[in-house]
C-alpha cells in the first residue's frame, strides 16, 4: 500500500497524473497486463510479461538480462510512482501488485486505433451529426426525406447505432496492447 495516504477527495486522478503515467510505454504494459490478468500479481510474473511485450518475444524467450532490466525499473521507479498516485497498490516487501479502482479507469486510455482504421469516436460523432441533420430535414419537411415515415428513420438510426456498437464492442474485446505490439493485429 502507498506510503502516502490519499484523502478521499484526492482519489480522482488529475489529467497530469494520467498523462504522466501513460506517457511511458512500460507503465502502459503494466496496465495492460493488469487489465488482462487482474491482481494480485507478483513482480516477477509482471516483469516477465512486460519484458516479453517490449522485446517482442514469448515469456520463455526473455533472457535473464532483459528480465532483470525490466524488473529493476519496475521495482525502483514505475511501480512506486504508480502506487503513489493510487493507480496500483505495490507492496515492495512482498513484491506484489494489486489493482485499484484507478487501474480500471486508466485502462480505457489503452484503446488503440491501428493505422488506417477509422477511429470509433469519429464514427459516432459523424453518425450523430448525420442523424441530427436528417432529423432537422424531416422536421422542416424537405422532399424526398419527408416521404419516408419518421418511424422508419428512427428504426434505421437505432439499427445502425446498435450494429455499430456491437461491432465496436467485439473488436475492442479482441484488441489488446499486447496483440498490437506483437503484430497480431
C-alpha atoms as a PDB file:
ATOM      1  CA  UNK A   1       0.000   0.000   0.000  1.00  0.00           C
ATOM      2  CA  UNK A   2       1.125   3.510  -0.680  1.00  0.00           C
ATOM      3  CA  UNK A   3       3.360   5.217   1.828  1.00  0.00           C
ATOM      4  CA  UNK A   4       1.489   8.397   1.103  1.00  0.00           C
ATOM      5  CA  UNK A   5      -2.140   8.205   2.233  1.00  0.00           C
ATOM      6  CA  UNK A   6      -4.539   9.852  -0.194  1.00  0.00           C
ATOM      7  CA  UNK A   7      -7.561  11.717   1.162  1.00  0.00           C
ATOM      8  CA  UNK A   8     -10.989  10.672  -0.145  1.00  0.00           C
ATOM      9  CA  UNK A   9     -11.254  13.812  -2.302  1.00  0.00           C
ATOM     10  CA  UNK A  10      -7.880  13.013  -3.874  1.00  0.00           C
ATOM     11  CA  UNK A  11      -8.997   9.638  -5.266  1.00  0.00           C
ATOM     12  CA  UNK A  12      -9.594  11.077  -8.717  1.00  0.00           C
ATOM     13  CA  UNK A  13      -6.519  11.349 -10.862  1.00  0.00           C
ATOM     14  CA  UNK A  14      -5.676  14.666 -12.438  1.00  0.00           C
ATOM     15  CA  UNK A  15      -5.049  14.843 -16.170  1.00  0.00           C
ATOM     16  CA  UNK A  16      -1.389  15.488 -15.398  1.00  0.00           C
ATOM     17  CA  UNK A  17      -1.137  12.275 -13.353  1.00  0.00           C
ATOM     18  CA  UNK A  18      -2.892  10.275 -16.067  1.00  0.00           C
ATOM     19  CA  UNK A  19      -0.680  11.639 -18.844  1.00  0.00           C
ATOM     20  CA  UNK A  20       2.442  11.193 -16.735  1.00  0.00           C
ATOM     21  CA  UNK A  21       1.676   7.518 -16.171  1.00  0.00           C
ATOM     22  CA  UNK A  22       0.564   6.789 -19.727  1.00  0.00           C
ATOM     23  CA  UNK A  23       3.454   8.569 -21.424  1.00  0.00           C
ATOM     24  CA  UNK A  24       5.740   5.677 -20.527  1.00  0.00           C
ATOM     25  CA  UNK A  25       5.376   2.500 -22.590  1.00  0.00           C
ATOM     26  CA  UNK A  26       6.496   0.247 -19.734  1.00  0.00           C
ATOM     27  CA  UNK A  27       3.756   1.593 -17.458  1.00  0.00           C
ATOM     28  CA  UNK A  28       1.223   1.079 -20.265  1.00  0.00           C
ATOM     29  CA  UNK A  29       2.360  -2.549 -20.486  1.00  0.00           C
ATOM     30  CA  UNK A  30       1.854  -2.869 -16.718  1.00  0.00           C
ATOM     31  CA  UNK A  31      -1.694  -1.551 -17.021  1.00  0.00           C
ATOM     32  CA  UNK A  32      -2.426  -3.829 -19.971  1.00  0.00           C
ATOM     33  CA  UNK A  33      -1.182  -6.884 -18.090  1.00  0.00           C
ATOM     34  CA  UNK A  34      -3.262  -5.957 -15.040  1.00  0.00           C
ATOM     35  CA  UNK A  35      -6.257  -5.363 -17.295  1.00  0.00           C
ATOM     36  CA  UNK A  36      -5.962  -8.864 -18.716  1.00  0.00           C
ATOM     37  CA  UNK A  37      -4.991 -10.760 -15.559  1.00  0.00           C
ATOM     38  CA  UNK A  38      -6.321  -8.718 -12.654  1.00  0.00           C
ATOM     39  CA  UNK A  39      -4.441  -8.920  -9.427  1.00  0.00           C
ATOM     40  CA  UNK A  40      -2.690  -9.527  -7.244  1.00  0.00           C
ATOM     41  CA  UNK A  41       0.315 -10.386  -9.387  1.00  0.00           C
ATOM     42  CA  UNK A  42       3.921 -10.970  -8.457  1.00  0.00           C
ATOM     43  CA  UNK A  43       6.600  -8.576  -9.581  1.00  0.00           C
ATOM     44  CA  UNK A  44       8.459 -11.474 -11.223  1.00  0.00           C
ATOM     45  CA  UNK A  45       5.486 -12.503 -13.367  1.00  0.00           C
ATOM     46  CA  UNK A  46       4.794  -8.908 -14.276  1.00  0.00           C
ATOM     47  CA  UNK A  47       8.437  -8.324 -15.259  1.00  0.00           C
ATOM     48  CA  UNK A  48       8.396 -11.439 -17.465  1.00  0.00           C
ATOM     49  CA  UNK A  49       5.293 -10.327 -19.345  1.00  0.00           C
ATOM     50  CA  UNK A  50       6.380  -6.700 -19.709  1.00  0.00           C
ATOM     51  CA  UNK A  51       9.806  -7.812 -20.981  1.00  0.00           C
ATOM     52  CA  UNK A  52       8.155 -10.202 -23.449  1.00  0.00           C
ATOM     53  CA  UNK A  53       5.984  -7.373 -24.780  1.00  0.00           C
ATOM     54  CA  UNK A  54       8.921  -4.966 -25.023  1.00  0.00           C
ATOM     55  CA  UNK A  55      11.286  -7.410 -26.692  1.00  0.00           C
ATOM     56  CA  UNK A  56       8.592  -8.902 -28.935  1.00  0.00           C
ATOM     57  CA  UNK A  57       9.014 -12.483 -27.775  1.00  0.00           C
ATOM     58  CA  UNK A  58       7.325 -15.052 -25.573  1.00  0.00           C
ATOM     59  CA  UNK A  59       7.904 -15.123 -21.821  1.00  0.00           C
ATOM     60  CA  UNK A  60      10.017 -18.267 -22.272  1.00  0.00           C
ATOM     61  CA  UNK A  61      12.315 -16.428 -24.703  1.00  0.00           C
ATOM     62  CA  UNK A  62      13.022 -13.487 -22.371  1.00  0.00           C
ATOM     63  CA  UNK A  63      16.682 -13.508 -21.345  1.00  0.00           C
ATOM     64  CA  UNK A  64      17.708 -13.037 -17.746  1.00  0.00           C
ATOM     65  CA  UNK A  65      19.342  -9.696 -18.654  1.00  0.00           C
ATOM     66  CA  UNK A  66      16.124  -8.449 -20.283  1.00  0.00           C
ATOM     67  CA  UNK A  67      14.035  -9.618 -17.340  1.00  0.00           C
ATOM     68  CA  UNK A  68      16.402  -8.050 -14.814  1.00  0.00           C
ATOM     69  CA  UNK A  69      16.396  -4.716 -16.664  1.00  0.00           C
ATOM     70  CA  UNK A  70      12.598  -4.583 -16.641  1.00  0.00           C
ATOM     71  CA  UNK A  71      12.300  -5.959 -13.083  1.00  0.00           C
ATOM     72  CA  UNK A  72      14.679  -3.338 -11.699  1.00  0.00           C
ATOM     73  CA  UNK A  73      12.987  -0.341 -13.289  1.00  0.00           C
ATOM     74  CA  UNK A  74       9.539  -1.615 -12.321  1.00  0.00           C
ATOM     75  CA  UNK A  75      10.676  -2.163  -8.736  1.00  0.00           C
ATOM     76  CA  UNK A  76      12.599   1.078  -8.291  1.00  0.00           C
ATOM     77  CA  UNK A  77      10.694   3.552 -10.424  1.00  0.00           C
ATOM     78  CA  UNK A  78       7.465   2.659 -12.201  1.00  0.00           C
ATOM     79  CA  UNK A  79       5.536   0.729  -9.549  1.00  0.00           C
ATOM     80  CA  UNK A  80       6.341   3.137  -6.693  1.00  0.00           C
ATOM     81  CA  UNK A  81       5.219   6.039  -8.891  1.00  0.00           C
ATOM     82  CA  UNK A  82       2.010   4.249  -9.859  1.00  0.00           C
ATOM     83  CA  UNK A  83       1.412   3.336  -6.206  1.00  0.00           C
ATOM     84  CA  UNK A  84       1.962   6.902  -5.068  1.00  0.00           C
ATOM     85  CA  UNK A  85      -0.878   8.248  -7.215  1.00  0.00           C
ATOM     86  CA  UNK A  86      -3.150   5.283  -6.416  1.00  0.00           C
ATOM     87  CA  UNK A  87      -3.138   3.545  -9.779  1.00  0.00           C
ATOM     88  CA  UNK A  88      -1.914   0.295  -8.220  1.00  0.00           C
ATOM     89  CA  UNK A  89      -1.087  -0.906  -4.747  1.00  0.00           C
ATOM     90  CA  UNK A  90       2.513  -2.052  -4.688  1.00  0.00           C
ATOM     91  CA  UNK A  91       3.826  -3.968  -1.688  1.00  0.00           C
ATOM     92  CA  UNK A  92       7.570  -3.687  -2.215  1.00  0.00           C
ATOM     93  CA  UNK A  93       8.379  -6.015   0.698  1.00  0.00           C
ATOM     94  CA  UNK A  94       6.396  -8.900  -0.808  1.00  0.00           C
ATOM     95  CA  UNK A  95       6.789  -7.890  -4.475  1.00  0.00           C
ATOM     96  CA  UNK A  96       3.030  -7.968  -5.053  1.00  0.00           C
ATOM     97  CA  UNK A  97       0.995  -5.607  -7.206  1.00  0.00           C
ATOM     98  CA  UNK A  98      -2.745  -5.231  -6.645  1.00  0.00           C
ATOM     99  CA  UNK A  99      -5.225  -3.344  -8.791  1.00  0.00           C
ATOM    100  CA  UNK A 100      -7.259  -0.394  -7.523  1.00  0.00           C
ATOM    101  CA  UNK A 101     -10.348   1.393  -8.794  1.00  0.00           C
ATOM    102  CA  UNK A 102      -7.995   3.743 -10.627  1.00  0.00           C
ATOM    103  CA  UNK A 103      -6.392   0.826 -12.505  1.00  0.00           C
ATOM    104  CA  UNK A 104      -9.596   0.031 -14.352  1.00  0.00           C
ATOM    105  CA  UNK A 105     -10.343   3.688 -15.020  1.00  0.00           C
ATOM    106  CA  UNK A 106      -6.975   4.144 -16.741  1.00  0.00           C
ATOM    107  CA  UNK A 107      -7.276   1.106 -18.972  1.00  0.00           C
ATOM    108  CA  UNK A 108      -9.861   2.906 -21.110  1.00  0.00           C
ATOM    109  CA  UNK A 109      -6.992   5.047 -22.361  1.00  0.00           C
ATOM    110  CA  UNK A 110      -5.261   1.944 -23.743  1.00  0.00           C
ATOM    111  CA  UNK A 111      -7.623   1.583 -26.696  1.00  0.00           C
ATOM    112  CA  UNK A 112      -5.507   1.553 -29.788  1.00  0.00           C
ATOM    113  CA  UNK A 113      -6.577   2.700 -33.216  1.00  0.00           C
ATOM    114  CA  UNK A 114      -4.350   0.931 -35.754  1.00  0.00           C
ATOM    115  CA  UNK A 115      -3.106   2.952 -38.690  1.00  0.00           C
ATOM    116  CA  UNK A 116      -5.700   3.096 -41.432  1.00  0.00           C
ATOM    117  CA  UNK A 117      -8.629   2.171 -39.163  1.00  0.00           C
ATOM    118  CA  UNK A 118     -11.417   4.714 -38.690  1.00  0.00           C
ATOM    119  CA  UNK A 119     -11.412   5.894 -35.042  1.00  0.00           C
ATOM    120  CA  UNK A 120     -14.680   4.960 -33.362  1.00  0.00           C
ATOM    121  CA  UNK A 121     -15.134   8.301 -31.626  1.00  0.00           C
ATOM    122  CA  UNK A 122     -15.116   9.956 -35.060  1.00  0.00           C
ATOM    123  CA  UNK A 123     -17.599   7.401 -36.379  1.00  0.00           C
ATOM    124  CA  UNK A 124     -20.041   8.063 -33.534  1.00  0.00           C
ATOM    125  CA  UNK A 125     -19.604  11.823 -33.860  1.00  0.00           C
ATOM    126  CA  UNK A 126     -20.243  11.627 -37.614  1.00  0.00           C
ATOM    127  CA  UNK A 127     -23.241   9.348 -37.122  1.00  0.00           C
ATOM    128  CA  UNK A 128     -24.694  11.759 -34.564  1.00  0.00           C
ATOM    129  CA  UNK A 129     -24.170  14.755 -36.843  1.00  0.00           C
ATOM    130  CA  UNK A 130     -25.783  12.998 -39.826  1.00  0.00           C
ATOM    131  CA  UNK A 131     -28.702  11.860 -37.655  1.00  0.00           C
ATOM    132  CA  UNK A 132     -29.280  15.394 -36.402  1.00  0.00           C
ATOM    133  CA  UNK A 133     -29.146  16.741 -39.956  1.00  0.00           C
ATOM    134  CA  UNK A 134     -31.728  14.207 -41.139  1.00  0.00           C
ATOM    135  CA  UNK A 135     -33.982  14.919 -38.143  1.00  0.00           C
ATOM    136  CA  UNK A 136     -33.774  18.630 -38.951  1.00  0.00           C
ATOM    137  CA  UNK A 137     -34.624  17.964 -42.611  1.00  0.00           C
ATOM    138  CA  UNK A 138     -37.565  15.786 -41.530  1.00  0.00           C
ATOM    139  CA  UNK A 139     -38.804  18.451 -39.157  1.00  0.00           C
ATOM    140  CA  UNK A 140     -38.794  21.042 -41.911  1.00  0.00           C
ATOM    141  CA  UNK A 141     -40.388  18.545 -44.319  1.00  0.00           C
ATOM    142  CA  UNK A 142     -37.818  18.551 -47.118  1.00  0.00           C
ATOM    143  CA  UNK A 143     -38.625  16.367 -50.118  1.00  0.00           C
ATOM    144  CA  UNK A 144     -37.743  13.378 -50.628  1.00  0.00           C
ATOM    145  CA  UNK A 145     -36.833  12.727 -46.961  1.00  0.00           C
ATOM    146  CA  UNK A 146     -40.381  13.530 -45.844  1.00  0.00           C
ATOM    147  CA  UNK A 147     -41.735  10.671 -47.997  1.00  0.00           C
ATOM    148  CA  UNK A 148     -40.249   8.108 -45.588  1.00  0.00           C
ATOM    149  CA  UNK A 149     -42.158   7.864 -42.279  1.00  0.00           C
ATOM    150  CA  UNK A 150     -40.279   9.115 -39.200  1.00  0.00           C
ATOM    151  CA  UNK A 151     -40.672   5.737 -37.502  1.00  0.00           C
ATOM    152  CA  UNK A 152     -38.718   4.143 -40.368  1.00  0.00           C
ATOM    153  CA  UNK A 153     -35.950   6.750 -39.931  1.00  0.00           C
ATOM    154  CA  UNK A 154     -35.895   6.165 -36.163  1.00  0.00           C
ATOM    155  CA  UNK A 155     -35.676   2.410 -36.698  1.00  0.00           C
ATOM    156  CA  UNK A 156     -32.865   2.870 -39.213  1.00  0.00           C
ATOM    157  CA  UNK A 157     -30.892   5.071 -36.775  1.00  0.00           C
ATOM    158  CA  UNK A 158     -31.423   2.583 -33.936  1.00  0.00           C
ATOM    159  CA  UNK A 159     -30.332  -0.382 -36.054  1.00  0.00           C
ATOM    160  CA  UNK A 160     -27.203   1.370 -37.372  1.00  0.00           C
ATOM    161  CA  UNK A 161     -26.224   2.526 -33.877  1.00  0.00           C
ATOM    162  CA  UNK A 162     -26.820  -0.895 -32.306  1.00  0.00           C
ATOM    163  CA  UNK A 163     -24.943  -2.816 -35.002  1.00  0.00           C
ATOM    164  CA  UNK A 164     -22.057  -0.327 -34.847  1.00  0.00           C
ATOM    165  CA  UNK A 165     -21.823  -0.543 -31.065  1.00  0.00           C
ATOM    166  CA  UNK A 166     -21.960  -4.343 -31.178  1.00  0.00           C
ATOM    167  CA  UNK A 167     -19.192  -4.497 -33.772  1.00  0.00           C
ATOM    168  CA  UNK A 168     -17.099  -1.964 -31.838  1.00  0.00           C
ATOM    169  CA  UNK A 169     -17.538  -3.942 -28.618  1.00  0.00           C
ATOM    170  CA  UNK A 170     -16.479  -7.219 -30.250  1.00  0.00           C
ATOM    171  CA  UNK A 171     -13.442  -5.643 -31.930  1.00  0.00           C
ATOM    172  CA  UNK A 172     -12.368  -3.879 -28.720  1.00  0.00           C
ATOM    173  CA  UNK A 173     -12.538  -7.114 -26.713  1.00  0.00           C
ATOM    174  CA  UNK A 174     -10.118  -8.809 -29.056  1.00  0.00           C
ATOM    175  CA  UNK A 175      -7.716  -5.918 -29.431  1.00  0.00           C
ATOM    176  CA  UNK A 176      -5.196  -5.525 -26.648  1.00  0.00           C
ATOM    177  CA  UNK A 177      -1.974  -3.616 -26.366  1.00  0.00           C
ATOM    178  CA  UNK A 178      -0.042  -6.875 -26.293  1.00  0.00           C
ATOM    179  CA  UNK A 179      -1.646  -8.125 -29.514  1.00  0.00           C
ATOM    180  CA  UNK A 180      -0.962  -4.802 -31.197  1.00  0.00           C
ATOM    181  CA  UNK A 181       2.668  -4.790 -30.072  1.00  0.00           C
ATOM    182  CA  UNK A 182       3.121  -8.431 -31.077  1.00  0.00           C
ATOM    183  CA  UNK A 183       1.877  -7.560 -34.545  1.00  0.00           C
ATOM    184  CA  UNK A 184      -1.106  -9.892 -34.455  1.00  0.00           C
ATOM    185  CA  UNK A 185      -3.476  -7.059 -35.231  1.00  0.00           C
END
